[in-house]
Amino acid sequence: MIDTVVKPRTKVKTKTERPKLHKVLLVNDDFTPRHFVVRVLRAEFRMAEEQAGRVMMTAHRRGVCVVAVFTKDVAEEKATAATDAGRREGYPLLFTTEPEE
C-alpha cells in the first residue's frame, strides 16, 4: 500500500506598488535673474513661457514653489540638472526634492 501525501496548493499574489513620488522645489534667491529662472524652467521641465513665469513668481513671493512631481530618481535628476544650469552661469539657483505626502 502506498501512502499519498497531498500538499495544498498556494497561489502567491504579487502586489505591485506605485513608486513613491517626490516634489521638485524651486528655492527663491535674490541674485538669479528672473528671465534666467524662466529659461531653466522651460528647458529642464518643458514648461510653457507663461507657466514658467507663474512658477518663478510664486517662488519669488513665497520663498519656495513646487515645480513638478516625479518618481524619486527623475525628481533628483531634474533638480540636479536645473541647479547645475544655474551654477554654470554663476548663479546660486537652487532646486531641491522632498517626498510627496
PDB file of N, CA and C in Angstrom:
ATOM      1  N   MET A   1       0.838  -1.171   0.000  1.00  0.00           N
ATOM      2  CA  MET A   1       0.000   0.000   0.000  1.00  0.00           C
ATOM      3  C   MET A   1       0.887   1.240   0.000  1.00  0.00           C
ATOM      4  N   ILE A   2       0.538   2.211  -0.833  1.00  0.00           N
ATOM      5  CA  ILE A   2       1.328   3.429  -0.975  1.00  0.00           C
ATOM      6  C   ILE A   2       0.532   4.579  -0.381  1.00  0.00           C
ATOM      7  N   ASP A   3       1.181   5.314   0.534  1.00  0.00           N
ATOM      8  CA  ASP A   3       0.535   6.493   1.121  1.00  0.00           C
ATOM      9  C   ASP A   3       0.811   7.696   0.226  1.00  0.00           C
ATOM     10  N   THR A   4      -0.207   8.435  -0.090  1.00  0.00           N
ATOM     11  CA  THR A   4      -0.060   9.619  -0.911  1.00  0.00           C
ATOM     12  C   THR A   4      -0.230  10.850  -0.029  1.00  0.00           C
ATOM     13  N   VAL A   5       0.739  11.716  -0.111  1.00  0.00           N
ATOM     14  CA  VAL A   5       0.664  12.949   0.663  1.00  0.00           C
ATOM     15  C   VAL A   5       0.222  14.054  -0.292  1.00  0.00           C
ATOM     16  N   VAL A   6      -0.848  14.701   0.039  1.00  0.00           N
ATOM     17  CA  VAL A   6      -1.366  15.776  -0.797  1.00  0.00           C
ATOM     18  C   VAL A   6      -1.026  17.100  -0.129  1.00  0.00           C
ATOM     19  N   LYS A   7      -0.311  17.940  -0.881  1.00  0.00           N
ATOM     20  CA  LYS A   7       0.033  19.270  -0.370  1.00  0.00           C
ATOM     21  C   LYS A   7      -0.954  20.271  -0.943  1.00  0.00           C
ATOM     22  N   PRO A   8      -1.451  21.146  -0.104  1.00  0.00           N
ATOM     23  CA  PRO A   8      -2.361  22.166  -0.643  1.00  0.00           C
ATOM     24  C   PRO A   8      -1.568  23.150  -1.515  1.00  0.00           C
ATOM     25  N   ARG A   9      -2.180  23.512  -2.588  1.00  0.00           N
ATOM     26  CA  ARG A   9      -1.526  24.476  -3.486  1.00  0.00           C
ATOM     27  C   ARG A   9      -1.825  25.884  -3.011  1.00  0.00           C
ATOM     28  N   THR A  10      -0.778  26.668  -2.942  1.00  0.00           N
ATOM     29  CA  THR A  10      -0.975  28.064  -2.560  1.00  0.00           C
ATOM     30  C   THR A  10      -0.553  28.945  -3.716  1.00  0.00           C
ATOM     31  N   LYS A  11      -1.344  29.903  -3.967  1.00  0.00           N
ATOM     32  CA  LYS A  11      -1.019  30.859  -5.023  1.00  0.00           C
ATOM     33  C   LYS A  11      -0.446  32.106  -4.371  1.00  0.00           C
ATOM     34  N   VAL A  12       0.645  32.537  -4.921  1.00  0.00           N
ATOM     35  CA  VAL A  12       1.274  33.741  -4.411  1.00  0.00           C
ATOM     36  C   VAL A  12       0.807  34.907  -5.263  1.00  0.00           C
ATOM     37  N   LYS A  13       0.183  35.839  -4.613  1.00  0.00           N
ATOM     38  CA  LYS A  13      -0.250  37.042  -5.323  1.00  0.00           C
ATOM     39  C   LYS A  13       0.806  38.120  -5.133  1.00  0.00           C
ATOM     40  N   THR A  14       1.317  38.598  -6.230  1.00  0.00           N
ATOM     41  CA  THR A  14       2.271  39.697  -6.133  1.00  0.00           C
ATOM     42  C   THR A  14       1.499  40.992  -6.306  1.00  0.00           C
ATOM     43  N   LYS A  15       1.734  41.863  -5.400  1.00  0.00           N
ATOM     44  CA  LYS A  15       1.045  43.144  -5.429  1.00  0.00           C
ATOM     45  C   LYS A  15       2.067  44.209  -5.832  1.00  0.00           C
ATOM     46  N   THR A  16       1.831  44.812  -6.958  1.00  0.00           N
ATOM     47  CA  THR A  16       2.742  45.867  -7.391  1.00  0.00           C
ATOM     48  C   THR A  16       2.339  47.164  -6.720  1.00  0.00           C
ATOM     49  N   GLU A  17       3.334  47.845  -6.269  1.00  0.00           N
ATOM     50  CA  GLU A  17       3.095  49.096  -5.557  1.00  0.00           C
ATOM     51  C   GLU A  17       3.585  50.255  -6.408  1.00  0.00           C
ATOM     52  N   ARG A  18       2.834  51.316  -6.404  1.00  0.00           N
ATOM     53  CA  ARG A  18       3.257  52.510  -7.152  1.00  0.00           C
ATOM     54  C   ARG A  18       4.505  53.087  -6.508  1.00  0.00           C
ATOM     55  N   PRO A  19       5.404  53.596  -7.334  1.00  0.00           N
ATOM     56  CA  PRO A  19       6.616  54.191  -6.754  1.00  0.00           C
ATOM     57  C   PRO A  19       6.270  55.455  -5.969  1.00  0.00           C
ATOM     58  N   LYS A  20       7.037  55.712  -4.956  1.00  0.00           N
ATOM     59  CA  LYS A  20       6.844  56.919  -4.150  1.00  0.00           C
ATOM     60  C   LYS A  20       7.203  58.133  -5.004  1.00  0.00           C
ATOM     61  N   LEU A  21       6.426  59.179  -4.873  1.00  0.00           N
ATOM     62  CA  LEU A  21       6.651  60.386  -5.660  1.00  0.00           C
ATOM     63  C   LEU A  21       7.387  61.439  -4.837  1.00  0.00           C
ATOM     64  N   HIS A  22       8.156  62.266  -5.543  1.00  0.00           N
ATOM     65  CA  HIS A  22       8.911  63.341  -4.912  1.00  0.00           C
ATOM     66  C   HIS A  22       8.634  64.652  -5.639  1.00  0.00           C
ATOM     67  N   LYS A  23       8.550  65.709  -4.865  1.00  0.00           N
ATOM     68  CA  LYS A  23       8.332  67.046  -5.418  1.00  0.00           C
ATOM     69  C   LYS A  23       9.676  67.692  -5.737  1.00  0.00           C
ATOM     70  N   VAL A  24       9.736  68.397  -6.843  1.00  0.00           N
ATOM     71  CA  VAL A  24      10.892  69.229  -7.159  1.00  0.00           C
ATOM     72  C   VAL A  24      10.505  70.641  -6.744  1.00  0.00           C
ATOM     73  N   LEU A  25      11.346  71.259  -5.905  1.00  0.00           N
ATOM     74  CA  LEU A  25      11.057  72.589  -5.380  1.00  0.00           C
ATOM     75  C   LEU A  25      12.058  73.604  -5.915  1.00  0.00           C
ATOM     76  N   LEU A  26      11.560  74.764  -6.276  1.00  0.00           N
ATOM     77  CA  LEU A  26      12.400  75.898  -6.658  1.00  0.00           C
ATOM     78  C   LEU A  26      12.515  76.799  -5.440  1.00  0.00           C
ATOM     79  N   VAL A  27      13.749  77.048  -5.013  1.00  0.00           N
ATOM     80  CA  VAL A  27      14.003  77.897  -3.854  1.00  0.00           C
ATOM     81  C   VAL A  27      14.400  79.282  -4.352  1.00  0.00           C
ATOM     82  N   ASN A  28      13.725  80.298  -3.846  1.00  0.00           N
ATOM     83  CA  ASN A  28      13.998  81.668  -4.269  1.00  0.00           C
ATOM     84  C   ASN A  28      15.351  82.156  -3.754  1.00  0.00           C
ATOM     85  N   ASP A  29      16.012  82.959  -4.568  1.00  0.00           N
ATOM     86  CA  ASP A  29      17.203  83.688  -4.115  1.00  0.00           C
ATOM     87  C   ASP A  29      17.120  85.097  -4.693  1.00  0.00           C
ATOM     88  N   ASP A  30      17.905  85.998  -4.157  1.00  0.00           N
ATOM     89  CA  ASP A  30      17.822  87.396  -4.584  1.00  0.00           C
ATOM     90  C   ASP A  30      18.838  87.759  -5.660  1.00  0.00           C
ATOM     91  N   PHE A  31      19.501  86.778  -6.240  1.00  0.00           N
ATOM     92  CA  PHE A  31      20.572  87.067  -7.187  1.00  0.00           C
ATOM     93  C   PHE A  31      20.330  86.551  -8.593  1.00  0.00           C
ATOM     94  N   THR A  32      19.653  85.428  -8.734  1.00  0.00           N
ATOM     95  CA  THR A  32      19.418  84.856 -10.063  1.00  0.00           C
ATOM     96  C   THR A  32      18.350  85.670 -10.788  1.00  0.00           C
ATOM     97  N   PRO A  33      18.656  86.147 -11.994  1.00  0.00           N
ATOM     98  CA  PRO A  33      17.672  86.940 -12.747  1.00  0.00           C
ATOM     99  C   PRO A  33      16.415  86.126 -13.073  1.00  0.00           C
ATOM    100  N   ARG A  34      15.298  86.799 -13.041  1.00  0.00           N
ATOM    101  CA  ARG A  34      14.018  86.131 -13.282  1.00  0.00           C
ATOM    102  C   ARG A  34      13.972  85.484 -14.662  1.00  0.00           C
ATOM    103  N   HIS A  35      14.465  86.184 -15.665  1.00  0.00           N
ATOM    104  CA  HIS A  35      14.416  85.637 -17.025  1.00  0.00           C
ATOM    105  C   HIS A  35      15.247  84.356 -17.135  1.00  0.00           C
ATOM    106  N   PHE A  36      16.324  84.262 -16.349  1.00  0.00           N
ATOM    107  CA  PHE A  36      17.142  83.050 -16.378  1.00  0.00           C
ATOM    108  C   PHE A  36      16.392  81.887 -15.718  1.00  0.00           C
ATOM    109  N   VAL A  37      15.706  82.149 -14.625  1.00  0.00           N
ATOM    110  CA  VAL A  37      14.918  81.110 -13.953  1.00  0.00           C
ATOM    111  C   VAL A  37      13.850  80.578 -14.901  1.00  0.00           C
ATOM    112  N   VAL A  38      13.180  81.469 -15.597  1.00  0.00           N
ATOM    113  CA  VAL A  38      12.153  81.065 -16.560  1.00  0.00           C
ATOM    114  C   VAL A  38      12.789  80.213 -17.656  1.00  0.00           C
ATOM    115  N   ARG A  39      13.950  80.603 -18.132  1.00  0.00           N
ATOM    116  CA  ARG A  39      14.645  79.841 -19.179  1.00  0.00           C
ATOM    117  C   ARG A  39      14.977  78.427 -18.702  1.00  0.00           C
ATOM    118  N   VAL A  40      15.444  78.300 -17.460  1.00  0.00           N
ATOM    119  CA  VAL A  40      15.772  76.980 -16.918  1.00  0.00           C
ATOM    120  C   VAL A  40      14.500  76.140 -16.751  1.00  0.00           C
ATOM    121  N   LEU A  41      13.434  76.738 -16.242  1.00  0.00           N
ATOM    122  CA  LEU A  41      12.170  76.008 -16.091  1.00  0.00           C
ATOM    123  C   LEU A  41      11.658  75.502 -17.437  1.00  0.00           C
ATOM    124  N   ARG A  42      11.782  76.319 -18.443  1.00  0.00           N
ATOM    125  CA  ARG A  42      11.333  75.916 -19.777  1.00  0.00           C
ATOM    126  C   ARG A  42      12.209  74.800 -20.333  1.00  0.00           C
ATOM    127  N   ALA A  43      13.505  74.901 -20.133  1.00  0.00           N
ATOM    128  CA  ALA A  43      14.429  73.914 -20.692  1.00  0.00           C
ATOM    129  C   ALA A  43      14.373  72.580 -19.951  1.00  0.00           C
ATOM    130  N   GLU A  44      14.451  72.618 -18.634  1.00  0.00           N
ATOM    131  CA  GLU A  44      14.549  71.381 -17.854  1.00  0.00           C
ATOM    132  C   GLU A  44      13.201  70.725 -17.570  1.00  0.00           C
ATOM    133  N   PHE A  45      12.138  71.536 -17.450  1.00  0.00           N
ATOM    134  CA  PHE A  45      10.838  70.983 -17.082  1.00  0.00           C
ATOM    135  C   PHE A  45       9.813  71.099 -18.203  1.00  0.00           C
ATOM    136  N   ARG A  46      10.246  71.554 -19.363  1.00  0.00           N
ATOM    137  CA  ARG A  46       9.398  71.653 -20.551  1.00  0.00           C
ATOM    138  C   ARG A  46       8.117  72.440 -20.294  1.00  0.00           C
ATOM    139  N   MET A  47       8.269  73.567 -19.603  1.00  0.00           N
ATOM    140  CA  MET A  47       7.109  74.413 -19.303  1.00  0.00           C
ATOM    141  C   MET A  47       6.919  75.453 -20.401  1.00  0.00           C
ATOM    142  N   ALA A  48       5.683  75.875 -20.562  1.00  0.00           N
ATOM    143  CA  ALA A  48       5.391  76.990 -21.453  1.00  0.00           C
ATOM    144  C   ALA A  48       5.883  78.272 -20.773  1.00  0.00           C
ATOM    145  N   GLU A  49       6.103  79.289 -21.547  1.00  0.00           N
ATOM    146  CA  GLU A  49       6.611  80.575 -21.040  1.00  0.00           C
ATOM    147  C   GLU A  49       5.736  81.107 -19.903  1.00  0.00           C
ATOM    148  N   GLU A  50       4.431  81.089 -20.097  1.00  0.00           N
ATOM    149  CA  GLU A  50       3.510  81.634 -19.098  1.00  0.00           C
ATOM    150  C   GLU A  50       3.537  80.828 -17.796  1.00  0.00           C
ATOM    151  N   GLN A  51       3.531  79.509 -17.910  1.00  0.00           N
ATOM    152  CA  GLN A  51       3.567  78.657 -16.724  1.00  0.00           C
ATOM    153  C   GLN A  51       4.885  78.828 -15.977  1.00  0.00           C
ATOM    154  N   ALA A  52       5.992  78.890 -16.700  1.00  0.00           N
ATOM    155  CA  ALA A  52       7.301  79.076 -16.068  1.00  0.00           C
ATOM    156  C   ALA A  52       7.347  80.419 -15.334  1.00  0.00           C
ATOM    157  N   GLY A  53       6.747  81.449 -15.925  1.00  0.00           N
ATOM    158  CA  GLY A  53       6.687  82.758 -15.270  1.00  0.00           C
ATOM    159  C   GLY A  53       5.881  82.714 -13.977  1.00  0.00           C
ATOM    160  N   ARG A  54       4.772  81.977 -13.984  1.00  0.00           N
ATOM    161  CA  ARG A  54       3.950  81.849 -12.773  1.00  0.00           C
ATOM    162  C   ARG A  54       4.694  81.103 -11.668  1.00  0.00           C
ATOM    163  N   VAL A  55       5.384  80.013 -12.038  1.00  0.00           N
ATOM    164  CA  VAL A  55       6.143  79.235 -11.051  1.00  0.00           C
ATOM    165  C   VAL A  55       7.252  80.102 -10.453  1.00  0.00           C
ATOM    166  N   MET A  56       7.956  80.825 -11.307  1.00  0.00           N
ATOM    167  CA  MET A  56       9.048  81.696 -10.847  1.00  0.00           C
ATOM    168  C   MET A  56       8.511  82.764  -9.893  1.00  0.00           C
ATOM    169  N   MET A  57       7.382  83.385 -10.226  1.00  0.00           N
ATOM    170  CA  MET A  57       6.826  84.440  -9.373  1.00  0.00           C
ATOM    171  C   MET A  57       6.299  83.870  -8.050  1.00  0.00           C
ATOM    172  N   THR A  58       5.746  82.673  -8.074  1.00  0.00           N
ATOM    173  CA  THR A  58       5.289  82.043  -6.834  1.00  0.00           C
ATOM    174  C   THR A  58       6.469  81.803  -5.906  1.00  0.00           C
ATOM    175  N   ALA A  59       7.565  81.291  -6.453  1.00  0.00           N
ATOM    176  CA  ALA A  59       8.774  81.075  -5.642  1.00  0.00           C
ATOM    177  C   ALA A  59       9.300  82.409  -5.123  1.00  0.00           C
ATOM    178  N   HIS A  60       9.240  83.432  -5.950  1.00  0.00           N
ATOM    179  CA  HIS A  60       9.728  84.761  -5.553  1.00  0.00           C
ATOM    180  C   HIS A  60       8.904  85.313  -4.383  1.00  0.00           C
ATOM    181  N   ARG A  61       7.596  85.159  -4.449  1.00  0.00           N
ATOM    182  CA  ARG A  61       6.723  85.703  -3.406  1.00  0.00           C
ATOM    183  C   ARG A  61       6.710  84.867  -2.129  1.00  0.00           C
ATOM    184  N   ARG A  62       6.729  83.550  -2.279  1.00  0.00           N
ATOM    185  CA  ARG A  62       6.583  82.662  -1.118  1.00  0.00           C
ATOM    186  C   ARG A  62       7.900  82.085  -0.608  1.00  0.00           C
ATOM    187  N   GLY A  63       8.961  82.234  -1.391  1.00  0.00           N
ATOM    188  CA  GLY A  63      10.256  81.716  -0.974  1.00  0.00           C
ATOM    189  C   GLY A  63      10.569  80.348  -1.536  1.00  0.00           C
ATOM    190  N   VAL A  64       9.526  79.599  -1.879  1.00  0.00           N
ATOM    191  CA  VAL A  64       9.706  78.265  -2.460  1.00  0.00           C
ATOM    192  C   VAL A  64       8.441  77.909  -3.227  1.00  0.00           C
ATOM    193  N   CYS A  65       8.593  77.072  -4.259  1.00  0.00           N
ATOM    194  CA  CYS A  65       7.441  76.680  -5.065  1.00  0.00           C
ATOM    195  C   CYS A  65       7.650  75.268  -5.592  1.00  0.00           C
ATOM    196  N   VAL A  66       6.581  74.474  -5.608  1.00  0.00           N
ATOM    197  CA  VAL A  66       6.650  73.147  -6.215  1.00  0.00           C
ATOM    198  C   VAL A  66       6.646  73.322  -7.730  1.00  0.00           C
ATOM    199  N   VAL A  67       7.650  72.750  -8.372  1.00  0.00           N
ATOM    200  CA  VAL A  67       7.775  72.853  -9.819  1.00  0.00           C
ATOM    201  C   VAL A  67       7.045  71.693 -10.494  1.00  0.00           C
ATOM    202  N   ALA A  68       7.300  70.473 -10.020  1.00  0.00           N
ATOM    203  CA  ALA A  68       6.704  69.279 -10.614  1.00  0.00           C
ATOM    204  C   ALA A  68       6.837  68.118  -9.636  1.00  0.00           C
ATOM    205  N   VAL A  69       6.163  67.023  -9.942  1.00  0.00           N
ATOM    206  CA  VAL A  69       6.218  65.815  -9.115  1.00  0.00           C
ATOM    207  C   VAL A  69       6.602  64.640 -10.016  1.00  0.00           C
ATOM    208  N   PHE A  70       7.616  63.908  -9.586  1.00  0.00           N
ATOM    209  CA  PHE A  70       8.123  62.760 -10.352  1.00  0.00           C
ATOM    210  C   PHE A  70       8.459  61.627  -9.393  1.00  0.00           C
ATOM    211  N   THR A  71       8.871  60.502  -9.964  1.00  0.00           N
ATOM    212  CA  THR A  71       9.444  59.449  -9.133  1.00  0.00           C
ATOM    213  C   THR A  71      10.757  59.991  -8.570  1.00  0.00           C
ATOM    214  N   LYS A  72      11.266  59.366  -7.531  1.00  0.00           N
ATOM    215  CA  LYS A  72      12.444  59.887  -6.829  1.00  0.00           C
ATOM    216  C   LYS A  72      13.637  60.099  -7.759  1.00  0.00           C
ATOM    217  N   ASP A  73      13.957  59.107  -8.560  1.00  0.00           N
ATOM    218  CA  ASP A  73      15.126  59.206  -9.446  1.00  0.00           C
ATOM    219  C   ASP A  73      14.993  60.347 -10.443  1.00  0.00           C
ATOM    220  N   VAL A  74      13.830  60.458 -11.061  1.00  0.00           N
ATOM    221  CA  VAL A  74      13.608  61.516 -12.050  1.00  0.00           C
ATOM    222  C   VAL A  74      13.635  62.881 -11.375  1.00  0.00           C
ATOM    223  N   ALA A  75      13.006  63.002 -10.213  1.00  0.00           N
ATOM    224  CA  ALA A  75      12.981  64.279  -9.493  1.00  0.00           C
ATOM    225  C   ALA A  75      14.393  64.728  -9.136  1.00  0.00           C
ATOM    226  N   GLU A  76      15.207  63.817  -8.622  1.00  0.00           N
ATOM    227  CA  GLU A  76      16.575  64.182  -8.255  1.00  0.00           C
ATOM    228  C   GLU A  76      17.402  64.548  -9.481  1.00  0.00           C
ATOM    229  N   GLU A  77      17.200  63.822 -10.570  1.00  0.00           N
ATOM    230  CA  GLU A  77      17.935  64.111 -11.805  1.00  0.00           C
ATOM    231  C   GLU A  77      17.584  65.494 -12.352  1.00  0.00           C
ATOM    232  N   LYS A  78      16.304  65.811 -12.387  1.00  0.00           N
ATOM    233  CA  LYS A  78      15.869  67.113 -12.911  1.00  0.00           C
ATOM    234  C   LYS A  78      16.310  68.255 -11.997  1.00  0.00           C
ATOM    235  N   ALA A  79      16.199  68.067 -10.682  1.00  0.00           N
ATOM    236  CA  ALA A  79      16.623  69.107  -9.739  1.00  0.00           C
ATOM    237  C   ALA A  79      18.124  69.372  -9.872  1.00  0.00           C
ATOM    238  N   THR A  80      18.899  68.321 -10.006  1.00  0.00           N
ATOM    239  CA  THR A  80      20.352  68.465 -10.163  1.00  0.00           C
ATOM    240  C   THR A  80      20.688  69.169 -11.477  1.00  0.00           C
ATOM    241  N   ALA A  81      20.044  68.761 -12.555  1.00  0.00           N
ATOM    242  CA  ALA A  81      20.310  69.371 -13.858  1.00  0.00           C
ATOM    243  C   ALA A  81      19.959  70.860 -13.852  1.00  0.00           C
ATOM    244  N   ALA A  82      18.828  71.215 -13.243  1.00  0.00           N
ATOM    245  CA  ALA A  82      18.404  72.619 -13.197  1.00  0.00           C
ATOM    246  C   ALA A  82      19.340  73.441 -12.313  1.00  0.00           C
ATOM    247  N   THR A  83      19.749  72.893 -11.169  1.00  0.00           N
ATOM    248  CA  THR A  83      20.679  73.597 -10.283  1.00  0.00           C
ATOM    249  C   THR A  83      22.027  73.776 -10.978  1.00  0.00           C
ATOM    250  N   ASP A  84      22.488  72.736 -11.662  1.00  0.00           N
ATOM    251  CA  ASP A  84      23.764  72.813 -12.383  1.00  0.00           C
ATOM    252  C   ASP A  84      23.728  73.853 -13.497  1.00  0.00           C
ATOM    253  N   ALA A  85      22.570  74.018 -14.135  1.00  0.00           N
ATOM    254  CA  ALA A  85      22.442  75.040 -15.179  1.00  0.00           C
ATOM    255  C   ALA A  85      22.703  76.425 -14.596  1.00  0.00           C
ATOM    256  N   GLY A  86      22.208  76.680 -13.409  1.00  0.00           N
ATOM    257  CA  GLY A  86      22.456  77.953 -12.740  1.00  0.00           C
ATOM    258  C   GLY A  86      23.908  78.101 -12.335  1.00  0.00           C
ATOM    259  N   ARG A  87      24.486  77.042 -11.822  1.00  0.00           N
ATOM    260  CA  ARG A  87      25.896  77.084 -11.386  1.00  0.00           C
ATOM    261  C   ARG A  87      26.831  77.374 -12.551  1.00  0.00           C
ATOM    262  N   ARG A  88      26.529  76.790 -13.708  1.00  0.00           N
ATOM    263  CA  ARG A  88      27.369  77.027 -14.893  1.00  0.00           C
ATOM    264  C   ARG A  88      27.391  78.499 -15.285  1.00  0.00           C
ATOM    265  N   GLU A  89      26.301  79.199 -14.989  1.00  0.00           N
ATOM    266  CA  GLU A  89      26.217  80.626 -15.316  1.00  0.00           C
ATOM    267  C   GLU A  89      26.620  81.519 -14.145  1.00  0.00           C
ATOM    268  N   GLY A  90      26.989  80.896 -13.020  1.00  0.00           N
ATOM    269  CA  GLY A  90      27.441  81.660 -11.866  1.00  0.00           C
ATOM    270  C   GLY A  90      26.333  82.137 -10.941  1.00  0.00           C
ATOM    271  N   TYR A  91      25.154  81.520 -11.040  1.00  0.00           N
ATOM    272  CA  TYR A  91      24.023  81.918 -10.198  1.00  0.00           C
ATOM    273  C   TYR A  91      23.807  80.908  -9.077  1.00  0.00           C
ATOM    274  N   PRO A  92      23.282  81.362  -7.944  1.00  0.00           N
ATOM    275  CA  PRO A  92      23.014  80.446  -6.827  1.00  0.00           C
ATOM    276  C   PRO A  92      21.648  79.758  -6.936  1.00  0.00           C
ATOM    277  N   LEU A  93      21.154  79.564  -8.130  1.00  0.00           N
ATOM    278  CA  LEU A  93      19.857  78.935  -8.370  1.00  0.00           C
ATOM    279  C   LEU A  93      19.825  77.564  -7.701  1.00  0.00           C
ATOM    280  N   LEU A  94      18.729  77.269  -6.967  1.00  0.00           N
ATOM    281  CA  LEU A  94      18.660  76.016  -6.236  1.00  0.00           C
ATOM    282  C   LEU A  94      17.302  75.336  -6.414  1.00  0.00           C
ATOM    283  N   PHE A  95      17.372  74.078  -6.829  1.00  0.00           N
ATOM    284  CA  PHE A  95      16.209  73.202  -6.893  1.00  0.00           C
ATOM    285  C   PHE A  95      16.476  72.056  -5.941  1.00  0.00           C
ATOM    286  N   THR A  96      15.483  71.684  -5.143  1.00  0.00           N
ATOM    287  CA  THR A  96      15.618  70.572  -4.209  1.00  0.00           C
ATOM    288  C   THR A  96      14.469  69.600  -4.426  1.00  0.00           C
ATOM    289  N   THR A  97      14.548  68.456  -3.738  1.00  0.00           N
ATOM    290  CA  THR A  97      13.446  67.494  -3.805  1.00  0.00           C
ATOM    291  C   THR A  97      13.032  67.118  -2.379  1.00  0.00           C
ATOM    292  N   GLU A  98      11.788  66.696  -2.265  1.00  0.00           N
ATOM    293  CA  GLU A  98      11.290  66.159  -0.991  1.00  0.00           C
ATOM    294  C   GLU A  98      10.164  65.189  -1.304  1.00  0.00           C
ATOM    295  N   PRO A  99       9.968  64.197  -0.439  1.00  0.00           N
ATOM    296  CA  PRO A  99       8.894  63.228  -0.683  1.00  0.00           C
ATOM    297  C   PRO A  99       7.521  63.889  -0.663  1.00  0.00           C
ATOM    298  N   GLU A 100       6.668  63.414  -1.538  1.00  0.00           N
ATOM    299  CA  GLU A 100       5.286  63.911  -1.537  1.00  0.00           C
ATOM    300  C   GLU A 100       4.521  63.139  -0.478  1.00  0.00           C
ATOM    301  N   GLU A 101       3.683  63.808   0.237  1.00  0.00           N
ATOM    302  CA  GLU A 101       2.937  63.144   1.317  1.00  0.00           C
ATOM    303  C   GLU A 101       1.635  62.577   0.833  1.00  0.00           C
TER     304      GLU A 101
END
